[in-house]
């Protein structure tokens, strides 16, 4: 993950250079977090500046400077902007990058992010659900009509469509409520430091149940800061370097993973 802020004034050229180096080293992807203002508290209070670069501007620069590495958000806070704008942005970025975009999406949690754009934070859950529905439909349908509580579209088209078929990989961040969203729209669920026991006893069973409900099994789940949960294996945190290379797997049976999914890996070979 690359950050659009820092103890010193953030420099786009340095962020892009880091992404280029990551590509040369064989990283799978680079991602940037999204906030409207500097997070309050913790080490951020020691920063000499409050600059936060716009991730939606920085990502195209990374796309132009690289050719193989995947790039995206971790995470885009969907309720902060209209769904049509998100659909158009990520589709254009996917075309621009030759099909390398990862859409990391979350509903957000910091009050300042919502206050800055005049959005009611308490409505973010339902807004997030409507966003995912609209965005994925705009990517896959020629014309979209949607009548929701927060968003309405009437016979709208959107072009260009994404390069990736049917649309870019979606990582959905959040807690247990995001299991349903992941099963319905995403390929990965992004969690905060779950234990291996929680992965086995809570997340895998609930992902399986949600996948059965929607008849759309997410083939992967990504658990950052603690482990990668692949649908056939769990990797120990101690095996993950910053470049995520050559993990030593611990087999764990996940009966609802397809054979084709089991052969895929987001971890680069050594």
C-alpha atoms as a PDB file:
ATOM      1  CA  UNK A   1       0.000   0.000   0.000  1.00  0.00           C
ATOM      2  CA  UNK A   2       1.229   3.481  -0.898  1.00  0.00           C
ATOM      3  CA  UNK A   3       0.037   6.509   1.042  1.00  0.00           C
ATOM      4  CA  UNK A   4      -1.062   9.885  -0.385  1.00  0.00           C
ATOM      5  CA  UNK A   5       0.111  11.656   2.772  1.00  0.00           C
ATOM      6  CA  UNK A   6       3.237  11.670   4.921  1.00  0.00           C
ATOM      7  CA  UNK A   7       5.317  13.296   7.636  1.00  0.00           C
ATOM      8  CA  UNK A   8       6.703  15.468   4.848  1.00  0.00           C
ATOM      9  CA  UNK A   9       4.687  16.925   1.995  1.00  0.00           C
ATOM     10  CA  UNK A  10       3.618  14.006  -0.234  1.00  0.00           C
ATOM     11  CA  UNK A  11       5.287  13.919  -3.646  1.00  0.00           C
ATOM     12  CA  UNK A  12       3.467  12.327  -6.581  1.00  0.00           C
ATOM     13  CA  UNK A  13       6.726  11.540  -8.370  1.00  0.00           C
ATOM     14  CA  UNK A  14       7.960   9.556  -5.357  1.00  0.00           C
ATOM     15  CA  UNK A  15       4.693   7.645  -5.067  1.00  0.00           C
ATOM     16  CA  UNK A  16       4.868   6.776  -8.757  1.00  0.00           C
ATOM     17  CA  UNK A  17       8.532   5.775  -8.428  1.00  0.00           C
ATOM     18  CA  UNK A  18       7.616   3.432  -5.565  1.00  0.00           C
ATOM     19  CA  UNK A  19       4.935   1.821  -7.747  1.00  0.00           C
ATOM     20  CA  UNK A  20       7.428   1.353 -10.584  1.00  0.00           C
ATOM     21  CA  UNK A  21       9.896  -0.260  -8.169  1.00  0.00           C
ATOM     22  CA  UNK A  22       7.137  -2.535  -6.855  1.00  0.00           C
ATOM     23  CA  UNK A  23       6.443  -3.662 -10.403  1.00  0.00           C
ATOM     24  CA  UNK A  24      10.136  -4.380 -11.009  1.00  0.00           C
ATOM     25  CA  UNK A  25      10.285  -6.421  -7.786  1.00  0.00           C
ATOM     26  CA  UNK A  26       7.313  -8.547  -8.802  1.00  0.00           C
ATOM     27  CA  UNK A  27       4.590  -7.197  -6.549  1.00  0.00           C
ATOM     28  CA  UNK A  28       1.084  -8.212  -7.486  1.00  0.00           C
ATOM     29  CA  UNK A  29      -0.485  -4.789  -6.925  1.00  0.00           C
ATOM     30  CA  UNK A  30      -0.240  -1.338  -5.435  1.00  0.00           C
ATOM     31  CA  UNK A  31      -3.159   0.326  -3.715  1.00  0.00           C
ATOM     32  CA  UNK A  32      -3.845   3.683  -2.116  1.00  0.00           C
ATOM     33  CA  UNK A  33      -6.189   4.494   0.767  1.00  0.00           C
ATOM     34  CA  UNK A  34      -8.716   7.251   0.373  1.00  0.00           C
ATOM     35  CA  UNK A  35      -9.483   9.989   2.877  1.00  0.00           C
ATOM     36  CA  UNK A  36     -10.578  13.557   2.326  1.00  0.00           C
ATOM     37  CA  UNK A  37      -8.571  14.991   5.220  1.00  0.00           C
ATOM     38  CA  UNK A  38      -5.655  13.872   7.376  1.00  0.00           C
ATOM     39  CA  UNK A  39      -6.749  11.217   9.896  1.00  0.00           C
ATOM     40  CA  UNK A  40      -6.882  12.742  13.398  1.00  0.00           C
ATOM     41  CA  UNK A  41      -4.864  11.360  16.283  1.00  0.00           C
ATOM     42  CA  UNK A  42      -2.126   8.739  16.557  1.00  0.00           C
ATOM     43  CA  UNK A  43       1.139   9.483  14.712  1.00  0.00           C
ATOM     44  CA  UNK A  44      -0.586  11.852  12.301  1.00  0.00           C
ATOM     45  CA  UNK A  45      -0.494  14.563  14.951  1.00  0.00           C
ATOM     46  CA  UNK A  46       3.301  14.653  14.551  1.00  0.00           C
ATOM     47  CA  UNK A  47       3.170  15.439  10.822  1.00  0.00           C
ATOM     48  CA  UNK A  48       4.439  18.842   9.775  1.00  0.00           C
ATOM     49  CA  UNK A  49       1.766  19.152   7.083  1.00  0.00           C
ATOM     50  CA  UNK A  50      -1.861  18.215   6.515  1.00  0.00           C
ATOM     51  CA  UNK A  51      -1.600  17.498   2.787  1.00  0.00           C
ATOM     52  CA  UNK A  52      -3.714  14.627   1.478  1.00  0.00           C
ATOM     53  CA  UNK A  53      -3.364  14.019  -2.258  1.00  0.00           C
ATOM     54  CA  UNK A  54      -6.416  13.048  -4.292  1.00  0.00           C
ATOM     55  CA  UNK A  55      -6.069   9.320  -4.957  1.00  0.00           C
ATOM     56  CA  UNK A  56      -8.237   9.614  -8.063  1.00  0.00           C
ATOM     57  CA  UNK A  57      -5.572  11.867  -9.569  1.00  0.00           C
ATOM     58  CA  UNK A  58      -2.563   9.844  -8.425  1.00  0.00           C
ATOM     59  CA  UNK A  59      -3.745   6.464  -9.760  1.00  0.00           C
ATOM     60  CA  UNK A  60      -3.756   7.524 -13.454  1.00  0.00           C
ATOM     61  CA  UNK A  61      -0.157   8.689 -13.026  1.00  0.00           C
ATOM     62  CA  UNK A  62       0.776   5.236 -11.717  1.00  0.00           C
ATOM     63  CA  UNK A  63      -1.106   3.599 -14.587  1.00  0.00           C
ATOM     64  CA  UNK A  64       0.863   5.607 -17.146  1.00  0.00           C
ATOM     65  CA  UNK A  65       4.221   4.798 -15.565  1.00  0.00           C
ATOM     66  CA  UNK A  66       3.658   1.027 -15.240  1.00  0.00           C
ATOM     67  CA  UNK A  67       2.604  -1.775 -17.542  1.00  0.00           C
ATOM     68  CA  UNK A  68       2.034  -4.970 -15.519  1.00  0.00           C
ATOM     69  CA  UNK A  69       1.328  -4.312 -11.874  1.00  0.00           C
ATOM     70  CA  UNK A  70      -2.301  -4.062 -10.834  1.00  0.00           C
ATOM     71  CA  UNK A  71      -3.430  -0.841  -9.191  1.00  0.00           C
ATOM     72  CA  UNK A  72      -6.371   0.353  -7.220  1.00  0.00           C
ATOM     73  CA  UNK A  73      -7.916   1.687  -4.055  1.00  0.00           C
ATOM     74  CA  UNK A  74      -7.927   0.257  -0.551  1.00  0.00           C
ATOM     75  CA  UNK A  75     -10.437   1.558  -0.143  1.00  0.00           C
ATOM     76  CA  UNK A  76     -12.569   3.974  -2.158  1.00  0.00           C
ATOM     77  CA  UNK A  77     -15.291   5.332   0.120  1.00  0.00           C
ATOM     78  CA  UNK A  78     -18.230   4.931  -2.233  1.00  0.00           C
ATOM     79  CA  UNK A  79     -20.852   6.994  -0.342  1.00  0.00           C
ATOM     80  CA  UNK A  80     -18.730  10.127  -0.791  1.00  0.00           C
ATOM     81  CA  UNK A  81     -19.430  10.414  -4.533  1.00  0.00           C
ATOM     82  CA  UNK A  82     -22.328   9.506  -6.873  1.00  0.00           C
ATOM     83  CA  UNK A  83     -22.287   5.934  -8.222  1.00  0.00           C
ATOM     84  CA  UNK A  84     -22.204   7.026 -11.855  1.00  0.00           C
ATOM     85  CA  UNK A  85     -19.018   8.983 -11.174  1.00  0.00           C
ATOM     86  CA  UNK A  86     -17.370   5.952  -9.571  1.00  0.00           C
ATOM     87  CA  UNK A  87     -18.435   3.668 -12.408  1.00  0.00           C
ATOM     88  CA  UNK A  88     -17.093   6.069 -15.021  1.00  0.00           C
ATOM     89  CA  UNK A  89     -13.850   6.691 -13.138  1.00  0.00           C
ATOM     90  CA  UNK A  90     -12.910   3.059 -12.570  1.00  0.00           C
ATOM     91  CA  UNK A  91     -14.005   2.033 -16.057  1.00  0.00           C
ATOM     92  CA  UNK A  92     -11.876   4.778 -17.615  1.00  0.00           C
ATOM     93  CA  UNK A  93      -8.931   3.831 -15.409  1.00  0.00           C
ATOM     94  CA  UNK A  94      -9.342   0.185 -16.417  1.00  0.00           C
ATOM     95  CA  UNK A  95      -9.244   1.166 -20.097  1.00  0.00           C
ATOM     96  CA  UNK A  96      -6.292   3.475 -19.501  1.00  0.00           C
ATOM     97  CA  UNK A  97      -4.315   0.778 -17.658  1.00  0.00           C
ATOM     98  CA  UNK A  98      -5.150  -2.050 -20.019  1.00  0.00           C
ATOM     99  CA  UNK A  99      -7.344  -3.929 -17.565  1.00  0.00           C
ATOM    100  CA  UNK A 100      -5.266  -3.710 -14.374  1.00  0.00           C
ATOM    101  CA  UNK A 101      -7.670  -2.018 -11.968  1.00  0.00           C
ATOM    102  CA  UNK A 102      -8.687  -3.348  -8.542  1.00  0.00           C
ATOM    103  CA  UNK A 103     -11.694  -1.636  -7.002  1.00  0.00           C
ATOM    104  CA  UNK A 104     -11.228  -1.685  -3.257  1.00  0.00           C
ATOM    105  CA  UNK A 105     -14.462  -0.328  -1.822  1.00  0.00           C
ATOM    106  CA  UNK A 106     -15.748   0.456   1.650  1.00  0.00           C
ATOM    107  CA  UNK A 107     -18.481   2.566   3.194  1.00  0.00           C
ATOM    108  CA  UNK A 108     -16.107   4.599   5.413  1.00  0.00           C
ATOM    109  CA  UNK A 109     -16.016   5.376   9.108  1.00  0.00           C
ATOM    110  CA  UNK A 110     -14.457   8.792   9.733  1.00  0.00           C
ATOM    111  CA  UNK A 111     -16.919  11.600  10.367  1.00  0.00           C
ATOM    112  CA  UNK A 112     -14.605  14.144   8.689  1.00  0.00           C
ATOM    113  CA  UNK A 113     -14.792  12.312   5.352  1.00  0.00           C
ATOM    114  CA  UNK A 114     -18.580  12.597   5.296  1.00  0.00           C
ATOM    115  CA  UNK A 115     -18.747  16.135   6.649  1.00  0.00           C
ATOM    116  CA  UNK A 116     -16.352  17.329   3.935  1.00  0.00           C
ATOM    117  CA  UNK A 117     -18.788  16.364   1.156  1.00  0.00           C
ATOM    118  CA  UNK A 118     -22.089  16.910   2.989  1.00  0.00           C
ATOM    119  CA  UNK A 119     -23.105  13.230   3.215  1.00  0.00           C
ATOM    120  CA  UNK A 120     -25.005  11.805   6.176  1.00  0.00           C
ATOM    121  CA  UNK A 121     -22.675   9.230   7.718  1.00  0.00           C
ATOM    122  CA  UNK A 122     -25.551   7.360   9.342  1.00  0.00           C
ATOM    123  CA  UNK A 123     -26.963   6.480   5.903  1.00  0.00           C
ATOM    124  CA  UNK A 124     -23.705   5.048   4.561  1.00  0.00           C
ATOM    125  CA  UNK A 125     -24.622   1.356   4.789  1.00  0.00           C
ATOM    126  CA  UNK A 126     -27.680   1.559   2.564  1.00  0.00           C
ATOM    127  CA  UNK A 127     -25.899   4.012   0.276  1.00  0.00           C
ATOM    128  CA  UNK A 128     -23.020   1.537  -0.074  1.00  0.00           C
ATOM    129  CA  UNK A 129     -25.383  -1.266  -1.084  1.00  0.00           C
ATOM    130  CA  UNK A 130     -27.124   0.896  -3.672  1.00  0.00           C
ATOM    131  CA  UNK A 131     -23.751   2.049  -5.007  1.00  0.00           C
ATOM    132  CA  UNK A 132     -22.512  -1.507  -5.584  1.00  0.00           C
ATOM    133  CA  UNK A 133     -25.720  -2.420  -7.377  1.00  0.00           C
ATOM    134  CA  UNK A 134     -25.662   0.618  -9.656  1.00  0.00           C
ATOM    135  CA  UNK A 135     -21.942   0.513 -10.422  1.00  0.00           C
ATOM    136  CA  UNK A 136     -21.863  -3.169 -11.380  1.00  0.00           C
ATOM    137  CA  UNK A 137     -24.981  -2.766 -13.505  1.00  0.00           C
ATOM    138  CA  UNK A 138     -23.528   0.238 -15.334  1.00  0.00           C
ATOM    139  CA  UNK A 139     -20.472  -1.883 -16.114  1.00  0.00           C
ATOM    140  CA  UNK A 140     -22.461  -4.824 -17.463  1.00  0.00           C
ATOM    141  CA  UNK A 141     -25.725  -3.467 -18.908  1.00  0.00           C
ATOM    142  CA  UNK A 142     -26.314  -1.219 -21.889  1.00  0.00           C
ATOM    143  CA  UNK A 143     -28.942   0.905 -20.153  1.00  0.00           C
ATOM    144  CA  UNK A 144     -29.749   1.095 -16.451  1.00  0.00           C
ATOM    145  CA  UNK A 145     -32.850   2.208 -14.574  1.00  0.00           C
ATOM    146  CA  UNK A 146     -32.650   2.225 -10.795  1.00  0.00           C
ATOM    147  CA  UNK A 147     -35.009   3.604  -8.187  1.00  0.00           C
ATOM    148  CA  UNK A 148     -33.477   3.542  -4.731  1.00  0.00           C
ATOM    149  CA  UNK A 149     -33.731   5.439  -1.488  1.00  0.00           C
ATOM    150  CA  UNK A 150     -30.580   7.474  -2.176  1.00  0.00           C
ATOM    151  CA  UNK A 151     -29.893   7.169  -5.917  1.00  0.00           C
ATOM    152  CA  UNK A 152     -32.066   7.174  -9.013  1.00  0.00           C
ATOM    153  CA  UNK A 153     -31.167   6.524 -12.642  1.00  0.00           C
ATOM    154  CA  UNK A 154     -33.506   6.436 -15.626  1.00  0.00           C
ATOM    155  CA  UNK A 155     -32.447   4.632 -18.801  1.00  0.00           C
ATOM    156  CA  UNK A 156     -28.794   5.632 -18.378  1.00  0.00           C
ATOM    157  CA  UNK A 157     -25.927   4.275 -20.440  1.00  0.00           C
ATOM    158  CA  UNK A 158     -22.240   4.394 -19.624  1.00  0.00           C
ATOM    159  CA  UNK A 159     -19.246   4.011 -21.908  1.00  0.00           C
ATOM    160  CA  UNK A 160     -16.560   2.920 -22.132  1.00  0.00           C
ATOM    161  CA  UNK A 161     -17.143  -0.341 -20.317  1.00  0.00           C
ATOM    162  CA  UNK A 162     -14.249  -1.814 -18.307  1.00  0.00           C
ATOM    163  CA  UNK A 163     -11.669  -3.925 -20.115  1.00  0.00           C
ATOM    164  CA  UNK A 164     -11.956  -6.703 -17.528  1.00  0.00           C
ATOM    165  CA  UNK A 165     -14.838  -9.112 -17.990  1.00  0.00           C
ATOM    166  CA  UNK A 166     -17.381  -8.737 -16.536  1.00  0.00           C
ATOM    167  CA  UNK A 167     -15.784  -5.940 -14.513  1.00  0.00           C
ATOM    168  CA  UNK A 168     -12.692  -5.177 -12.373  1.00  0.00           C
ATOM    169  CA  UNK A 169     -11.962  -7.243  -9.295  1.00  0.00           C
ATOM    170  CA  UNK A 170     -13.790  -5.834  -6.271  1.00  0.00           C
ATOM    171  CA  UNK A 171     -12.354  -5.957  -2.744  1.00  0.00           C
ATOM    172  CA  UNK A 172     -15.008  -5.104  -0.178  1.00  0.00           C
ATOM    173  CA  UNK A 173     -13.906  -3.833   3.207  1.00  0.00           C
ATOM    174  CA  UNK A 174     -15.825  -4.071   6.432  1.00  0.00           C
ATOM    175  CA  UNK A 175     -17.082  -6.443   9.099  1.00  0.00           C
ATOM    176  CA  UNK A 176     -19.628  -9.239   9.115  1.00  0.00           C
ATOM    177  CA  UNK A 177     -22.227  -7.160   7.254  1.00  0.00           C
ATOM    178  CA  UNK A 178     -19.846  -7.041   4.296  1.00  0.00           C
ATOM    179  CA  UNK A 179     -19.985 -10.822   3.860  1.00  0.00           C
ATOM    180  CA  UNK A 180     -23.291 -10.508   1.990  1.00  0.00           C
ATOM    181  CA  UNK A 181     -21.882  -7.707  -0.171  1.00  0.00           C
ATOM    182  CA  UNK A 182     -18.803  -9.732  -1.025  1.00  0.00           C
ATOM    183  CA  UNK A 183     -20.815 -12.815  -1.956  1.00  0.00           C
ATOM    184  CA  UNK A 184     -23.076 -10.740  -4.174  1.00  0.00           C
ATOM    185  CA  UNK A 185     -20.639  -8.332  -5.833  1.00  0.00           C
ATOM    186  CA  UNK A 186     -17.018  -8.965  -4.863  1.00  0.00           C
ATOM    187  CA  UNK A 187     -14.136 -11.377  -5.136  1.00  0.00           C
ATOM    188  CA  UNK A 188     -12.369 -10.549  -1.863  1.00  0.00           C
ATOM    189  CA  UNK A 189     -13.378  -9.420   1.586  1.00  0.00           C
ATOM    190  CA  UNK A 190     -10.975  -7.106   3.390  1.00  0.00           C
ATOM    191  CA  UNK A 191     -10.901  -7.552   7.161  1.00  0.00           C
ATOM    192  CA  UNK A 192      -8.889  -6.021   9.957  1.00  0.00           C
ATOM    193  CA  UNK A 193      -6.560  -8.444  11.726  1.00  0.00           C
ATOM    194  CA  UNK A 194      -8.725 -11.533  12.102  1.00  0.00           C
ATOM    195  CA  UNK A 195      -7.284 -14.532  13.905  1.00  0.00           C
ATOM    196  CA  UNK A 196      -6.833 -17.886  12.197  1.00  0.00           C
ATOM    197  CA  UNK A 197      -9.521 -19.332  14.483  1.00  0.00           C
ATOM    198  CA  UNK A 198     -11.935 -16.591  13.431  1.00  0.00           C
ATOM    199  CA  UNK A 199     -11.142 -17.248   9.775  1.00  0.00           C
ATOM    200  CA  UNK A 200     -11.903 -20.954  10.134  1.00  0.00           C
ATOM    201  CA  UNK A 201     -14.853 -20.746  12.521  1.00  0.00           C
ATOM    202  CA  UNK A 202     -16.565 -17.509  11.494  1.00  0.00           C
ATOM    203  CA  UNK A 203     -15.565 -16.036   8.164  1.00  0.00           C
ATOM    204  CA  UNK A 204     -15.280 -19.161   6.012  1.00  0.00           C
ATOM    205  CA  UNK A 205     -18.622 -20.635   7.098  1.00  0.00           C
ATOM    206  CA  UNK A 206     -20.430 -17.311   6.715  1.00  0.00           C
ATOM    207  CA  UNK A 207     -18.865 -16.657   3.304  1.00  0.00           C
ATOM    208  CA  UNK A 208     -19.925 -20.144   2.233  1.00  0.00           C
ATOM    209  CA  UNK A 209     -23.505 -19.584   3.426  1.00  0.00           C
ATOM    210  CA  UNK A 210     -23.720 -16.185   1.707  1.00  0.00           C
ATOM    211  CA  UNK A 211     -22.247 -17.663  -1.461  1.00  0.00           C
ATOM    212  CA  UNK A 212     -24.872 -20.396  -1.450  1.00  0.00           C
ATOM    213  CA  UNK A 213     -27.581 -17.773  -1.002  1.00  0.00           C
ATOM    214  CA  UNK A 214     -26.465 -15.670  -3.960  1.00  0.00           C
ATOM    215  CA  UNK A 215     -25.207 -18.619  -6.023  1.00  0.00           C
ATOM    216  CA  UNK A 216     -22.058 -16.621  -6.587  1.00  0.00           C
ATOM    217  CA  UNK A 217     -19.148 -17.943  -4.548  1.00  0.00           C
ATOM    218  CA  UNK A 218     -16.323 -15.427  -3.983  1.00  0.00           C
ATOM    219  CA  UNK A 219     -13.223 -17.419  -4.900  1.00  0.00           C
ATOM    220  CA  UNK A 220     -10.921 -15.568  -2.535  1.00  0.00           C
ATOM    221  CA  UNK A 221     -10.927 -13.675   0.714  1.00  0.00           C
ATOM    222  CA  UNK A 222      -8.160 -11.256   1.574  1.00  0.00           C
ATOM    223  CA  UNK A 223      -7.341 -10.704   5.220  1.00  0.00           C
ATOM    224  CA  UNK A 224      -4.770  -7.887   5.441  1.00  0.00           C
ATOM    225  CA  UNK A 225      -2.509  -7.056   8.374  1.00  0.00           C
ATOM    226  CA  UNK A 226      -2.808 -10.615   9.634  1.00  0.00           C
ATOM    227  CA  UNK A 227      -2.996 -13.212   6.883  1.00  0.00           C
ATOM    228  CA  UNK A 228      -4.104 -14.058   3.378  1.00  0.00           C
ATOM    229  CA  UNK A 229      -7.041 -16.454   3.313  1.00  0.00           C
ATOM    230  CA  UNK A 230      -7.077 -18.318   0.061  1.00  0.00           C
ATOM    231  CA  UNK A 231     -10.010 -20.559  -0.593  1.00  0.00           C
ATOM    232  CA  UNK A 232      -7.750 -23.598  -0.311  1.00  0.00           C
ATOM    233  CA  UNK A 233      -5.089 -22.454   2.159  1.00  0.00           C
ATOM    234  CA  UNK A 234      -4.282 -20.108   4.982  1.00  0.00           C
ATOM    235  CA  UNK A 235      -0.891 -18.404   5.048  1.00  0.00           C
ATOM    236  CA  UNK A 236       0.723 -17.529   8.377  1.00  0.00           C
ATOM    237  CA  UNK A 237       1.413 -13.834   8.993  1.00  0.00           C
ATOM    238  CA  UNK A 238       5.076 -14.601   9.649  1.00  0.00           C
ATOM    239  CA  UNK A 239       5.416 -15.892   6.118  1.00  0.00           C
ATOM    240  CA  UNK A 240       4.413 -12.605   4.529  1.00  0.00           C
ATOM    241  CA  UNK A 241       7.080 -10.090   3.664  1.00  0.00           C
ATOM    242  CA  UNK A 242       6.326  -6.639   2.393  1.00  0.00           C
ATOM    243  CA  UNK A 243       6.434  -7.983  -1.161  1.00  0.00           C
ATOM    244  CA  UNK A 244       4.191 -10.935  -0.255  1.00  0.00           C
ATOM    245  CA  UNK A 245       6.601 -13.500  -1.717  1.00  0.00           C
ATOM    246  CA  UNK A 246       6.830 -17.273  -1.260  1.00  0.00           C
ATOM    247  CA  UNK A 247       4.443 -17.924   1.627  1.00  0.00           C
ATOM    248  CA  UNK A 248       4.537 -21.295   3.376  1.00  0.00           C
ATOM    249  CA  UNK A 249       0.983 -22.619   3.242  1.00  0.00           C
ATOM    250  CA  UNK A 250      -1.012 -24.311   5.953  1.00  0.00           C
ATOM    251  CA  UNK A 251      -3.598 -26.561   4.232  1.00  0.00           C
ATOM    252  CA  UNK A 252      -7.199 -26.008   5.270  1.00  0.00           C
ATOM    253  CA  UNK A 253     -10.146 -27.683   3.531  1.00  0.00           C
ATOM    254  CA  UNK A 254     -12.555 -25.217   1.941  1.00  0.00           C
ATOM    255  CA  UNK A 255     -15.055 -27.506   0.185  1.00  0.00           C
ATOM    256  CA  UNK A 256     -16.841 -24.789  -1.782  1.00  0.00           C
ATOM    257  CA  UNK A 257     -13.776 -23.542  -3.681  1.00  0.00           C
ATOM    258  CA  UNK A 258     -13.763 -24.474  -7.336  1.00  0.00           C
ATOM    259  CA  UNK A 259     -10.693 -26.194  -8.827  1.00  0.00           C
ATOM    260  CA  UNK A 260     -10.093 -23.243 -11.153  1.00  0.00           C
ATOM    261  CA  UNK A 261     -10.138 -20.869  -8.195  1.00  0.00           C
ATOM    262  CA  UNK A 262      -7.723 -23.071  -6.301  1.00  0.00           C
ATOM    263  CA  UNK A 263      -5.170 -22.750  -9.075  1.00  0.00           C
ATOM    264  CA  UNK A 264      -5.154 -18.948  -8.983  1.00  0.00           C
ATOM    265  CA  UNK A 265      -2.846 -17.009  -6.727  1.00  0.00           C
ATOM    266  CA  UNK A 266      -2.362 -13.339  -6.022  1.00  0.00           C
ATOM    267  CA  UNK A 267       0.974 -14.079  -4.355  1.00  0.00           C
ATOM    268  CA  UNK A 268       3.881 -13.610  -6.817  1.00  0.00           C
ATOM    269  CA  UNK A 269       6.233 -16.503  -7.375  1.00  0.00           C
ATOM    270  CA  UNK A 270       9.745 -16.246  -6.004  1.00  0.00           C
END
